[in-house]
N, C-alpha and C. Protein backbone atom coordinates (compact mmCIF):
# COMPACT_ATOMS: atom_id res chain seq x y z
N MET A 1 88.85 94.11 107.06
CA MET A 1 88.65 94.51 108.45
C MET A 1 89.23 95.90 108.68
N GLU A 2 88.61 96.64 109.55
CA GLU A 2 89.08 97.99 109.86
C GLU A 2 90.34 97.88 110.71
N ARG A 3 91.46 98.38 110.17
CA ARG A 3 92.77 98.19 110.81
C ARG A 3 92.86 98.89 112.16
N TYR A 4 92.52 100.17 112.22
CA TYR A 4 92.62 100.89 113.49
C TYR A 4 91.22 101.14 114.03
N SER A 5 90.70 100.16 114.71
CA SER A 5 89.33 100.21 115.24
C SER A 5 89.35 100.89 116.61
N GLY A 6 89.56 102.20 116.59
CA GLY A 6 89.61 102.90 117.85
C GLY A 6 90.82 102.53 118.69
N GLY A 7 91.85 101.96 118.05
CA GLY A 7 93.06 101.61 118.78
C GLY A 7 93.06 100.23 119.39
N PHE A 8 92.05 99.41 119.12
CA PHE A 8 92.03 98.08 119.73
C PHE A 8 91.83 96.98 118.68
N PHE A 9 92.42 97.16 117.51
CA PHE A 9 92.28 96.16 116.45
C PHE A 9 92.73 94.79 116.90
N TYR A 10 93.93 94.68 117.45
CA TYR A 10 94.49 93.37 117.79
C TYR A 10 93.70 92.67 118.89
N GLU A 11 93.22 93.44 119.86
CA GLU A 11 92.41 92.86 120.93
C GLU A 11 91.11 92.29 120.37
N LEU A 12 90.47 93.08 119.51
CA LEU A 12 89.19 92.65 118.94
C LEU A 12 89.40 91.48 117.98
N TYR A 13 90.51 91.49 117.27
CA TYR A 13 90.80 90.39 116.36
C TYR A 13 91.05 89.10 117.14
N ALA A 14 91.82 89.18 118.22
CA ALA A 14 92.06 88.00 119.05
C ALA A 14 90.76 87.45 119.60
N LYS A 15 89.90 88.32 120.07
CA LYS A 15 88.59 87.92 120.58
C LYS A 15 87.81 87.18 119.50
N SER A 16 87.83 87.69 118.28
CA SER A 16 87.08 87.10 117.18
C SER A 16 87.62 85.72 116.81
N VAL A 17 88.94 85.57 116.79
CA VAL A 17 89.54 84.28 116.47
C VAL A 17 89.19 83.24 117.54
N LEU A 18 89.32 83.61 118.80
CA LEU A 18 89.05 82.67 119.89
C LEU A 18 87.58 82.27 119.93
N GLU A 19 86.70 83.20 119.61
CA GLU A 19 85.27 82.89 119.59
C GLU A 19 84.93 81.90 118.48
N VAL A 20 85.61 82.02 117.34
CA VAL A 20 85.36 81.11 116.22
C VAL A 20 85.90 79.71 116.52
N LEU A 21 87.10 79.64 117.08
CA LEU A 21 87.73 78.35 117.35
C LEU A 21 87.17 77.66 118.59
N PHE A 22 86.93 78.44 119.64
CA PHE A 22 86.52 77.87 120.92
C PHE A 22 85.28 78.60 121.46
N PRO A 23 84.15 78.47 120.80
CA PRO A 23 82.96 79.26 121.18
C PRO A 23 82.47 79.00 122.60
N GLU A 24 82.53 77.77 123.05
CA GLU A 24 82.05 77.47 124.41
C GLU A 24 82.99 78.01 125.46
N GLU A 25 84.26 78.00 125.16
CA GLU A 25 85.28 78.43 126.13
C GLU A 25 85.41 79.95 126.20
N TYR A 26 85.27 80.62 125.04
CA TYR A 26 85.55 82.04 124.98
C TYR A 26 84.36 82.87 124.48
N GLY A 27 83.17 82.40 124.72
CA GLY A 27 81.98 83.09 124.25
C GLY A 27 81.60 84.32 125.05
N ASN A 28 82.24 84.53 126.22
CA ASN A 28 81.85 85.66 127.08
C ASN A 28 82.96 86.71 127.24
N LEU A 29 83.92 86.70 126.33
CA LEU A 29 85.02 87.67 126.43
C LEU A 29 84.53 89.09 126.12
N ILE A 30 85.04 90.05 126.89
CA ILE A 30 84.78 91.46 126.62
C ILE A 30 86.10 92.22 126.66
N LEU A 31 86.14 93.35 125.96
CA LEU A 31 87.34 94.20 125.98
C LEU A 31 87.52 94.81 127.37
N SER A 32 88.76 94.87 127.80
CA SER A 32 89.06 95.40 129.12
C SER A 32 90.46 96.02 129.10
N ASP A 33 91.06 96.11 130.25
CA ASP A 33 92.42 96.63 130.37
C ASP A 33 93.10 95.92 131.53
N LYS A 34 94.31 95.42 131.25
CA LYS A 34 95.10 94.70 132.26
C LYS A 34 94.30 93.56 132.91
N PRO A 35 93.99 92.53 132.12
CA PRO A 35 94.38 92.25 130.74
C PRO A 35 93.39 92.82 129.72
N ASP A 36 93.70 92.60 128.43
CA ASP A 36 92.94 93.22 127.35
C ASP A 36 91.56 92.61 127.15
N LEU A 37 91.43 91.32 127.42
CA LEU A 37 90.16 90.62 127.30
C LEU A 37 89.88 89.89 128.60
N ILE A 38 88.64 89.95 129.07
CA ILE A 38 88.30 89.24 130.31
C ILE A 38 86.96 88.55 130.18
N ASP A 39 86.81 87.52 130.99
CA ASP A 39 85.53 86.85 131.19
C ASP A 39 85.20 87.01 132.67
N THR A 40 84.29 87.89 132.99
CA THR A 40 84.00 88.19 134.39
C THR A 40 83.28 87.05 135.11
N LYS A 41 82.57 86.21 134.33
CA LYS A 41 81.86 85.09 134.94
C LYS A 41 82.83 83.99 135.37
N SER A 42 83.78 83.69 134.50
CA SER A 42 84.74 82.62 134.78
C SER A 42 86.03 83.14 135.39
N CYS A 43 86.15 84.45 135.50
CA CYS A 43 87.32 85.08 136.15
C CYS A 43 88.65 84.70 135.50
N PHE A 44 88.73 84.91 134.22
CA PHE A 44 90.02 84.73 133.55
C PHE A 44 90.19 85.83 132.51
N GLY A 45 91.41 85.98 132.05
CA GLY A 45 91.69 87.04 131.10
C GLY A 45 92.71 86.64 130.06
N ILE A 46 92.82 87.45 129.03
CA ILE A 46 93.80 87.23 127.96
C ILE A 46 94.47 88.56 127.65
N GLU A 47 95.77 88.58 127.73
CA GLU A 47 96.55 89.75 127.35
C GLU A 47 96.96 89.60 125.89
N VAL A 48 96.79 90.65 125.09
CA VAL A 48 97.06 90.59 123.66
C VAL A 48 98.23 91.50 123.32
N THR A 49 99.12 91.01 122.46
CA THR A 49 100.23 91.84 122.03
C THR A 49 100.58 91.54 120.59
N HIS A 50 101.18 92.52 119.94
CA HIS A 50 101.61 92.40 118.55
C HIS A 50 103.09 92.77 118.50
N PRO A 51 103.98 91.79 118.62
CA PRO A 51 105.41 92.09 118.72
C PRO A 51 105.96 92.83 117.50
N VAL A 52 106.52 94.00 117.74
CA VAL A 52 107.19 94.78 116.70
C VAL A 52 108.42 95.42 117.31
N ASP A 53 109.34 95.87 116.46
CA ASP A 53 110.53 96.52 117.00
C ASP A 53 110.20 97.95 117.42
N GLU A 54 111.13 98.58 118.11
CA GLU A 54 110.89 99.91 118.68
C GLU A 54 110.61 100.96 117.60
N GLU A 55 111.26 100.84 116.46
CA GLU A 55 111.02 101.81 115.39
C GLU A 55 109.58 101.74 114.91
N HIS A 56 109.08 100.52 114.72
CA HIS A 56 107.69 100.36 114.28
C HIS A 56 106.73 100.89 115.34
N GLU A 57 107.05 100.67 116.62
CA GLU A 57 106.19 101.15 117.69
C GLU A 57 106.08 102.68 117.65
N LYS A 58 107.20 103.35 117.38
CA LYS A 58 107.19 104.82 117.31
C LYS A 58 106.32 105.30 116.14
N TYR A 59 106.44 104.62 115.00
CA TYR A 59 105.62 105.01 113.86
C TYR A 59 104.14 104.73 114.11
N ASP A 60 103.85 103.59 114.75
CA ASP A 60 102.46 103.26 115.08
C ASP A 60 101.86 104.31 116.00
N SER A 61 102.63 104.70 117.02
CA SER A 61 102.16 105.68 117.97
C SER A 61 101.93 107.04 117.29
N TYR A 62 102.88 107.45 116.45
CA TYR A 62 102.75 108.72 115.74
C TYR A 62 101.55 108.68 114.79
N PHE A 63 101.38 107.54 114.13
CA PHE A 63 100.25 107.40 113.20
C PHE A 63 98.92 107.59 113.92
N GLN A 64 98.75 106.90 115.04
CA GLN A 64 97.48 106.97 115.75
C GLN A 64 97.24 108.35 116.35
N ASP A 65 98.30 109.01 116.80
CA ASP A 65 98.15 110.31 117.46
C ASP A 65 97.99 111.47 116.47
N LYS A 66 98.69 111.39 115.32
CA LYS A 66 98.77 112.56 114.44
C LYS A 66 98.15 112.37 113.05
N LEU A 67 98.02 111.12 112.60
CA LEU A 67 97.61 110.92 111.21
C LEU A 67 96.29 110.19 111.03
N TYR A 68 95.99 109.29 111.93
CA TYR A 68 94.78 108.47 111.76
C TYR A 68 93.50 109.31 111.72
N ASN A 69 92.66 109.00 110.76
CA ASN A 69 91.34 109.63 110.59
C ASN A 69 91.42 111.09 110.18
N LYS A 70 92.57 111.51 109.67
CA LYS A 70 92.72 112.88 109.17
C LYS A 70 92.46 112.92 107.66
N ALA A 71 91.86 114.01 107.21
CA ALA A 71 91.74 114.26 105.77
C ALA A 71 93.12 114.68 105.25
N LYS A 72 93.33 114.53 103.94
CA LYS A 72 94.65 114.81 103.38
C LYS A 72 95.11 116.23 103.68
N GLU A 73 94.19 117.19 103.61
CA GLU A 73 94.56 118.59 103.85
C GLU A 73 94.86 118.87 105.32
N GLU A 74 94.49 117.95 106.20
CA GLU A 74 94.73 118.13 107.63
C GLU A 74 96.06 117.52 108.08
N LEU A 75 96.70 116.78 107.21
CA LEU A 75 97.93 116.08 107.59
C LEU A 75 99.09 117.04 107.78
N PRO A 76 99.86 116.88 108.85
CA PRO A 76 101.05 117.72 109.03
C PRO A 76 102.09 117.39 107.96
N LYS A 77 102.63 118.38 107.31
CA LYS A 77 103.55 118.16 106.20
C LYS A 77 104.79 117.38 106.63
N LYS A 78 105.32 117.73 107.79
CA LYS A 78 106.52 117.03 108.27
C LYS A 78 106.20 115.56 108.55
N GLY A 79 105.02 115.33 109.14
CA GLY A 79 104.63 113.96 109.45
C GLY A 79 104.45 113.13 108.21
N LEU A 80 103.83 113.71 107.19
CA LEU A 80 103.62 113.00 105.93
C LEU A 80 104.95 112.70 105.26
N LEU A 81 105.85 113.67 105.28
CA LEU A 81 107.18 113.47 104.70
C LEU A 81 107.95 112.39 105.46
N ARG A 82 107.76 112.37 106.76
CA ARG A 82 108.43 111.36 107.60
C ARG A 82 108.01 109.95 107.19
N PHE A 83 106.73 109.79 106.88
CA PHE A 83 106.24 108.48 106.49
C PHE A 83 106.73 108.08 105.10
N THR A 84 106.65 109.00 104.14
CA THR A 84 107.06 108.67 102.77
C THR A 84 108.56 108.40 102.69
N ASP A 85 109.34 109.12 103.46
CA ASP A 85 110.79 108.91 103.46
C ASP A 85 111.16 107.55 104.03
N SER A 86 110.33 107.02 104.92
CA SER A 86 110.62 105.72 105.54
C SER A 86 109.91 104.58 104.80
N LYS A 87 109.43 104.87 103.58
CA LYS A 87 108.76 103.88 102.73
C LYS A 87 107.48 103.36 103.35
N ARG A 88 106.80 104.23 104.08
CA ARG A 88 105.48 103.90 104.63
C ARG A 88 104.43 104.65 103.83
N GLU A 89 103.39 103.95 103.45
CA GLU A 89 102.37 104.51 102.57
C GLU A 89 101.03 104.62 103.29
N LEU A 90 100.49 105.82 103.36
CA LEU A 90 99.19 106.03 104.00
C LEU A 90 98.07 105.47 103.12
N ILE A 91 97.07 104.90 103.77
CA ILE A 91 95.91 104.34 103.07
C ILE A 91 94.68 105.13 103.50
N PHE A 92 93.93 105.59 102.52
CA PHE A 92 92.75 106.40 102.79
C PHE A 92 91.47 105.58 102.62
N ASP A 93 90.53 105.79 103.52
CA ASP A 93 89.23 105.14 103.42
C ASP A 93 88.51 105.67 102.17
N LYS A 94 87.96 104.77 101.36
CA LYS A 94 87.33 105.17 100.10
C LYS A 94 86.05 105.98 100.31
N GLU A 95 85.36 105.74 101.41
CA GLU A 95 84.10 106.45 101.65
C GLU A 95 84.31 107.82 102.29
N THR A 96 85.22 107.88 103.27
CA THR A 96 85.40 109.12 104.01
C THR A 96 86.58 109.97 103.51
N ASN A 97 87.47 109.34 102.71
CA ASN A 97 88.69 110.01 102.24
C ASN A 97 89.58 110.47 103.38
N ARG A 98 89.48 109.75 104.50
CA ARG A 98 90.35 110.01 105.64
C ARG A 98 91.33 108.85 105.83
N VAL A 99 92.45 109.14 106.50
CA VAL A 99 93.48 108.12 106.69
C VAL A 99 92.94 106.98 107.54
N ASP A 100 93.07 105.76 107.01
CA ASP A 100 92.52 104.59 107.69
C ASP A 100 93.61 103.64 108.19
N ALA A 101 94.74 103.59 107.51
CA ALA A 101 95.82 102.67 107.87
C ALA A 101 97.08 103.09 107.13
N TYR A 102 98.13 102.29 107.29
CA TYR A 102 99.32 102.53 106.48
C TYR A 102 100.07 101.23 106.25
N LYS A 103 100.75 101.17 105.10
CA LYS A 103 101.54 100.00 104.76
C LYS A 103 102.96 100.18 105.31
N LYS A 104 103.47 99.12 105.94
CA LYS A 104 104.81 99.18 106.50
C LYS A 104 105.81 98.54 105.55
N PRO A 105 107.06 98.98 105.59
CA PRO A 105 108.08 98.32 104.78
C PRO A 105 108.35 96.92 105.31
N TYR A 106 108.76 96.04 104.45
CA TYR A 106 109.01 94.65 104.84
C TYR A 106 110.22 94.56 105.77
N VAL A 107 110.06 93.79 106.84
CA VAL A 107 111.16 93.51 107.77
C VAL A 107 111.20 92.00 108.00
N PRO A 108 112.36 91.35 107.82
CA PRO A 108 112.44 89.90 108.01
C PRO A 108 112.04 89.49 109.43
N PHE A 109 111.51 88.29 109.55
CA PHE A 109 111.10 87.77 110.84
C PHE A 109 112.30 87.61 111.77
N ASP A 110 112.13 88.01 113.01
CA ASP A 110 113.17 87.89 114.03
C ASP A 110 112.53 87.39 115.30
N ILE A 111 112.87 86.17 115.72
CA ILE A 111 112.24 85.58 116.89
C ILE A 111 112.53 86.36 118.17
N ASP A 112 113.60 87.14 118.17
CA ASP A 112 113.90 87.95 119.36
C ASP A 112 112.79 88.97 119.64
N LEU A 113 112.06 89.39 118.61
CA LEU A 113 110.91 90.27 118.82
C LEU A 113 109.87 89.59 119.69
N ILE A 114 109.66 88.30 119.44
CA ILE A 114 108.69 87.54 120.23
C ILE A 114 109.18 87.38 121.66
N TYR A 115 110.45 87.03 121.82
CA TYR A 115 111.00 86.86 123.16
C TYR A 115 110.90 88.15 123.97
N THR A 116 111.21 89.27 123.32
CA THR A 116 111.12 90.56 124.01
C THR A 116 109.69 90.86 124.43
N ALA A 117 108.74 90.57 123.55
CA ALA A 117 107.33 90.81 123.88
C ALA A 117 106.87 89.93 125.04
N ILE A 118 107.28 88.67 125.02
CA ILE A 118 106.90 87.75 126.11
C ILE A 118 107.50 88.23 127.42
N ARG A 119 108.77 88.62 127.40
CA ARG A 119 109.43 89.09 128.61
C ARG A 119 108.75 90.32 129.18
N LYS A 120 108.38 91.26 128.32
CA LYS A 120 107.70 92.48 128.78
C LYS A 120 106.34 92.16 129.38
N LYS A 121 105.62 91.24 128.76
CA LYS A 121 104.30 90.90 129.26
C LYS A 121 104.38 90.13 130.58
N PHE A 122 105.39 89.29 130.74
CA PHE A 122 105.59 88.62 132.03
C PHE A 122 105.87 89.65 133.11
N SER A 123 106.67 90.65 132.78
CA SER A 123 106.99 91.70 133.75
C SER A 123 105.74 92.46 134.16
N LYS A 124 104.89 92.78 133.19
CA LYS A 124 103.65 93.50 133.50
C LYS A 124 102.69 92.63 134.30
N LEU A 125 102.63 91.34 133.96
CA LEU A 125 101.77 90.42 134.69
C LEU A 125 102.16 90.38 136.16
N ASN A 126 103.46 90.46 136.43
CA ASN A 126 103.95 90.40 137.80
C ASN A 126 104.02 91.76 138.49
N SER A 127 103.44 92.77 137.85
CA SER A 127 103.44 94.12 138.43
C SER A 127 102.39 94.28 139.52
N GLY A 128 101.43 93.34 139.58
CA GLY A 128 100.37 93.42 140.57
C GLY A 128 99.18 94.25 140.13
N LEU A 129 99.14 94.68 138.86
CA LEU A 129 98.08 95.55 138.38
C LEU A 129 97.03 94.82 137.54
N TYR A 130 97.21 93.54 137.31
CA TYR A 130 96.32 92.79 136.42
C TYR A 130 95.19 92.11 137.19
N LYS A 131 94.00 92.07 136.57
CA LYS A 131 92.90 91.27 137.10
C LYS A 131 93.22 89.80 136.86
N TYR A 132 92.81 88.95 137.77
CA TYR A 132 92.95 87.49 137.63
C TYR A 132 94.39 87.08 137.30
N PRO A 133 95.39 87.52 138.06
CA PRO A 133 96.78 87.23 137.71
C PRO A 133 97.12 85.74 137.68
N ASN A 134 96.30 84.93 138.36
CA ASN A 134 96.55 83.48 138.36
C ASN A 134 95.86 82.76 137.21
N ASN A 135 95.12 83.52 136.40
CA ASN A 135 94.34 82.86 135.35
C ASN A 135 94.30 83.73 134.08
N ILE A 136 95.48 83.98 133.54
CA ILE A 136 95.61 84.81 132.34
C ILE A 136 96.42 84.07 131.28
N SER A 137 96.00 84.19 130.03
CA SER A 137 96.77 83.66 128.91
C SER A 137 97.28 84.83 128.07
N LEU A 138 98.24 84.55 127.22
CA LEU A 138 98.87 85.57 126.37
C LEU A 138 98.59 85.26 124.91
N TYR A 139 98.13 86.26 124.16
CA TYR A 139 97.85 86.08 122.73
C TYR A 139 98.86 86.90 121.94
N LEU A 140 99.69 86.21 121.16
CA LEU A 140 100.71 86.84 120.33
C LEU A 140 100.22 86.90 118.89
N ASN A 141 100.00 88.10 118.37
CA ASN A 141 99.58 88.25 116.99
C ASN A 141 100.81 88.54 116.14
N MET A 142 101.20 87.55 115.34
CA MET A 142 102.37 87.71 114.47
C MET A 142 101.99 87.64 113.01
N SER A 143 100.80 88.09 112.68
CA SER A 143 100.28 87.98 111.32
C SER A 143 101.10 88.76 110.31
N ILE A 144 101.87 89.74 110.76
CA ILE A 144 102.66 90.55 109.84
C ILE A 144 103.67 89.69 109.07
N TYR A 145 104.11 88.58 109.68
CA TYR A 145 105.12 87.74 109.04
C TYR A 145 104.54 86.52 108.33
N SER A 146 103.26 86.24 108.57
CA SER A 146 102.56 85.16 107.89
C SER A 146 103.36 83.86 107.93
N LYS A 147 103.72 83.34 106.73
CA LYS A 147 104.34 82.01 106.65
C LYS A 147 105.72 81.94 107.27
N GLU A 148 106.41 83.08 107.37
CA GLU A 148 107.81 83.06 107.78
C GLU A 148 108.03 82.47 109.17
N ASN A 149 107.08 82.69 110.06
CA ASN A 149 107.28 82.27 111.44
C ASN A 149 106.46 81.05 111.82
N ILE A 150 105.96 80.32 110.82
CA ILE A 150 105.23 79.08 111.09
C ILE A 150 106.22 77.93 111.04
N SER A 151 106.73 77.52 112.18
CA SER A 151 107.67 76.40 112.23
C SER A 151 107.70 75.82 113.63
N ASP A 152 108.02 74.54 113.71
CA ASP A 152 108.11 73.86 115.01
C ASP A 152 109.22 74.47 115.86
N SER A 153 110.32 74.87 115.23
CA SER A 153 111.44 75.43 115.99
C SER A 153 111.04 76.74 116.66
N THR A 154 110.26 77.56 115.95
CA THR A 154 109.79 78.82 116.54
C THR A 154 108.86 78.55 117.71
N VAL A 155 107.92 77.64 117.53
CA VAL A 155 106.96 77.32 118.59
C VAL A 155 107.68 76.73 119.80
N ASN A 156 108.61 75.83 119.56
CA ASN A 156 109.36 75.23 120.68
C ASN A 156 110.22 76.27 121.38
N GLY A 157 110.75 77.22 120.61
CA GLY A 157 111.52 78.29 121.22
C GLY A 157 110.66 79.15 122.12
N ILE A 158 109.44 79.47 121.68
CA ILE A 158 108.49 80.23 122.50
C ILE A 158 108.17 79.47 123.78
N LEU A 159 107.91 78.18 123.65
CA LEU A 159 107.57 77.35 124.81
C LEU A 159 108.71 77.34 125.82
N ASP A 160 109.93 77.07 125.38
CA ASP A 160 111.08 76.99 126.29
C ASP A 160 111.35 78.34 126.93
N TYR A 161 111.27 79.41 126.14
CA TYR A 161 111.54 80.75 126.67
C TYR A 161 110.51 81.13 127.73
N ALA A 162 109.25 80.86 127.46
CA ALA A 162 108.18 81.21 128.40
C ALA A 162 108.27 80.38 129.68
N ILE A 163 108.62 79.12 129.56
CA ILE A 163 108.73 78.27 130.75
C ILE A 163 109.89 78.74 131.63
N ASN A 164 110.99 79.17 131.04
CA ASN A 164 112.09 79.72 131.83
C ASN A 164 111.64 80.94 132.62
N LEU A 165 110.84 81.79 131.99
CA LEU A 165 110.31 82.96 132.69
C LEU A 165 109.32 82.54 133.78
N LYS A 166 108.52 81.54 133.47
CA LYS A 166 107.54 81.04 134.44
C LYS A 166 108.24 80.55 135.71
N ASN A 167 109.35 79.86 135.54
CA ASN A 167 110.06 79.28 136.68
C ASN A 167 110.71 80.32 137.58
N SER A 168 110.84 81.54 137.08
CA SER A 168 111.46 82.60 137.87
C SER A 168 110.49 83.72 138.20
N SER A 169 109.19 83.48 138.00
CA SER A 169 108.19 84.52 138.22
C SER A 169 107.14 84.07 139.23
N GLU A 170 106.56 85.02 139.93
CA GLU A 170 105.47 84.71 140.85
C GLU A 170 104.22 84.32 140.09
N TYR A 171 103.90 85.10 139.05
CA TYR A 171 102.74 84.82 138.22
C TYR A 171 103.20 84.43 136.81
N SER A 172 102.44 83.53 136.20
CA SER A 172 102.76 83.09 134.85
C SER A 172 101.49 83.00 134.02
N PHE A 173 101.64 83.19 132.72
CA PHE A 173 100.52 82.96 131.83
C PHE A 173 100.22 81.47 131.78
N LYS A 174 98.94 81.12 131.71
CA LYS A 174 98.54 79.73 131.62
C LYS A 174 98.90 79.15 130.26
N GLU A 175 98.54 79.90 129.23
CA GLU A 175 98.77 79.45 127.86
C GLU A 175 99.25 80.63 127.01
N ILE A 176 99.85 80.29 125.89
CA ILE A 176 100.21 81.29 124.90
C ILE A 176 99.55 80.91 123.59
N TYR A 177 98.80 81.86 123.03
CA TYR A 177 98.21 81.68 121.71
C TYR A 177 99.10 82.42 120.72
N TYR A 178 99.64 81.65 119.79
CA TYR A 178 100.61 82.20 118.82
C TYR A 178 99.95 82.23 117.45
N ASP A 179 99.52 83.42 117.03
CA ASP A 179 98.72 83.60 115.82
C ASP A 179 99.60 84.04 114.65
N CYS A 180 99.69 83.18 113.62
CA CYS A 180 100.47 83.49 112.43
C CYS A 180 99.58 83.76 111.22
N LEU A 181 98.39 84.23 111.46
CA LEU A 181 97.39 84.56 110.45
C LEU A 181 96.72 83.32 109.87
N MET A 182 97.52 82.41 109.29
CA MET A 182 96.94 81.21 108.69
C MET A 182 96.94 80.01 109.64
N VAL A 183 97.72 80.12 110.71
CA VAL A 183 97.81 79.04 111.70
C VAL A 183 97.81 79.65 113.09
N LEU A 184 97.13 79.00 114.02
CA LEU A 184 97.17 79.41 115.42
C LEU A 184 97.70 78.23 116.24
N TYR A 185 98.70 78.52 117.08
CA TYR A 185 99.22 77.51 118.00
C TYR A 185 98.72 77.82 119.41
N ARG A 186 98.23 76.79 120.08
CA ARG A 186 97.83 76.93 121.48
C ARG A 186 98.86 76.19 122.33
N ILE A 187 99.61 76.95 123.10
CA ILE A 187 100.76 76.41 123.84
C ILE A 187 100.46 76.45 125.33
N ASN A 188 100.40 75.30 125.95
CA ASN A 188 100.11 75.21 127.39
C ASN A 188 101.42 75.17 128.17
N LEU A 189 101.62 76.13 129.06
CA LEU A 189 102.88 76.21 129.79
C LEU A 189 102.94 75.25 130.97
N ASP A 190 101.80 74.70 131.37
CA ASP A 190 101.78 73.72 132.46
C ASP A 190 102.09 72.32 131.95
N THR A 191 101.46 71.94 130.85
CA THR A 191 101.61 70.58 130.33
C THR A 191 102.60 70.48 129.18
N ARG A 192 103.03 71.63 128.62
CA ARG A 192 103.90 71.70 127.44
C ARG A 192 103.19 71.19 126.18
N LYS A 193 101.89 71.04 126.25
CA LYS A 193 101.13 70.58 125.09
C LYS A 193 100.98 71.70 124.07
N VAL A 194 101.20 71.37 122.80
CA VAL A 194 101.05 72.34 121.71
C VAL A 194 99.99 71.82 120.74
N GLU A 195 98.96 72.63 120.51
CA GLU A 195 97.91 72.29 119.55
C GLU A 195 97.98 73.26 118.38
N GLU A 196 97.81 72.75 117.17
CA GLU A 196 97.89 73.57 115.96
C GLU A 196 96.53 73.63 115.28
N TYR A 197 96.10 74.84 114.93
CA TYR A 197 94.80 75.03 114.28
C TYR A 197 94.98 75.77 112.96
N ASP A 198 94.48 75.18 111.90
CA ASP A 198 94.55 75.79 110.57
C ASP A 198 93.46 76.86 110.46
N LEU A 199 93.86 78.10 110.20
CA LEU A 199 92.91 79.20 110.12
C LEU A 199 92.56 79.60 108.68
N LEU A 200 93.24 79.02 107.71
CA LEU A 200 93.10 79.48 106.32
C LEU A 200 91.64 79.45 105.87
N ASP A 201 90.95 78.35 106.14
CA ASP A 201 89.56 78.23 105.70
C ASP A 201 88.59 78.97 106.61
N LEU A 202 89.11 79.53 107.71
CA LEU A 202 88.25 80.22 108.67
C LEU A 202 88.37 81.74 108.59
N LEU A 203 89.24 82.24 107.72
CA LEU A 203 89.50 83.68 107.69
C LEU A 203 88.25 84.50 107.39
N ASP A 204 87.41 84.01 106.47
CA ASP A 204 86.18 84.74 106.17
C ASP A 204 85.24 84.76 107.37
N THR A 205 85.16 83.63 108.06
CA THR A 205 84.31 83.55 109.26
C THR A 205 84.83 84.46 110.36
N ILE A 206 86.15 84.48 110.52
CA ILE A 206 86.76 85.35 111.52
C ILE A 206 86.50 86.82 111.20
N GLU A 207 86.62 87.17 109.92
CA GLU A 207 86.37 88.56 109.52
C GLU A 207 84.91 88.95 109.78
N THR A 208 83.99 88.05 109.46
CA THR A 208 82.57 88.31 109.72
C THR A 208 82.33 88.51 111.21
N ASN A 209 82.94 87.66 112.01
CA ASN A 209 82.78 87.78 113.46
C ASN A 209 83.41 89.07 113.98
N TYR A 210 84.57 89.42 113.43
CA TYR A 210 85.23 90.67 113.82
C TYR A 210 84.34 91.87 113.53
N ASN A 211 83.78 91.90 112.33
CA ASN A 211 82.93 93.03 111.95
C ASN A 211 81.68 93.11 112.82
N ALA A 212 81.15 91.95 113.20
CA ALA A 212 79.98 91.92 114.08
C ALA A 212 80.35 92.45 115.46
N ASN A 213 81.53 92.06 115.95
CA ASN A 213 82.00 92.56 117.25
C ASN A 213 82.23 94.06 117.21
N LEU A 214 82.80 94.53 116.10
CA LEU A 214 83.06 95.96 115.96
C LEU A 214 81.75 96.75 115.91
N GLU A 215 80.78 96.21 115.23
CA GLU A 215 79.48 96.88 115.13
C GLU A 215 78.82 96.99 116.50
N LYS A 216 78.93 95.95 117.30
CA LYS A 216 78.36 95.98 118.66
C LYS A 216 79.00 97.10 119.48
N ILE A 217 80.30 97.24 119.34
CA ILE A 217 81.01 98.29 120.09
C ILE A 217 80.60 99.67 119.61
N ASN A 218 80.50 99.81 118.30
CA ASN A 218 80.09 101.10 117.74
C ASN A 218 78.68 101.47 118.17
N GLN A 219 77.81 100.47 118.30
CA GLN A 219 76.43 100.74 118.72
C GLN A 219 76.38 101.23 120.16
N THR A 220 77.25 100.69 121.00
CA THR A 220 77.26 101.11 122.42
C THR A 220 77.76 102.54 122.59
N LYS A 221 78.50 103.03 121.60
CA LYS A 221 79.04 104.39 121.68
C LYS A 221 78.03 105.44 121.24
N LYS A 222 76.97 105.00 120.57
CA LYS A 222 75.98 105.98 120.06
C LYS A 222 75.02 106.42 121.15
């Protein structure tokens, strides 16, 4: 899959996963802003986030602004040195020979990253700037950690933390989708129900759907 698809990889990936798992429920999602995915017919939305620490956010931002889609001779020397010194490796597209992505150094899983992301998204939801504030879910993409964060204790921690925020907020997310690449948890904040979905055998289907969604977007830009 194309990692930096115009800056909306995670949103498009979440859309693709939800369409594969719940086609009747999420078949009309489109990319938007505040929240990231919306269904205008059913008037609901999904906010997507990829919890990372502040250092990673700075590198991601710098990558997209200064390095992404650049040929090797176009790369700023200081920027390239900054990445190599931090053990980050640029990846070049084989067809275009332009920067397509980068490999990040390994960082152990820290559940506080998830709590911080949830807290920030609750704050934004209650800012009054979101469409359908009474009918929004949150999609957490934690695929960077894969197996490390697949556990009942992590899921229960997310549930308890989010419910505490819900009890002190005007607006709350309806559900939280917790994506660990090979497993997706659907966490309902009203009923406390947690559903687990195995994604391992669906990854090829999800990738096919992602590429089809990306192609549709690219066609609209032409």
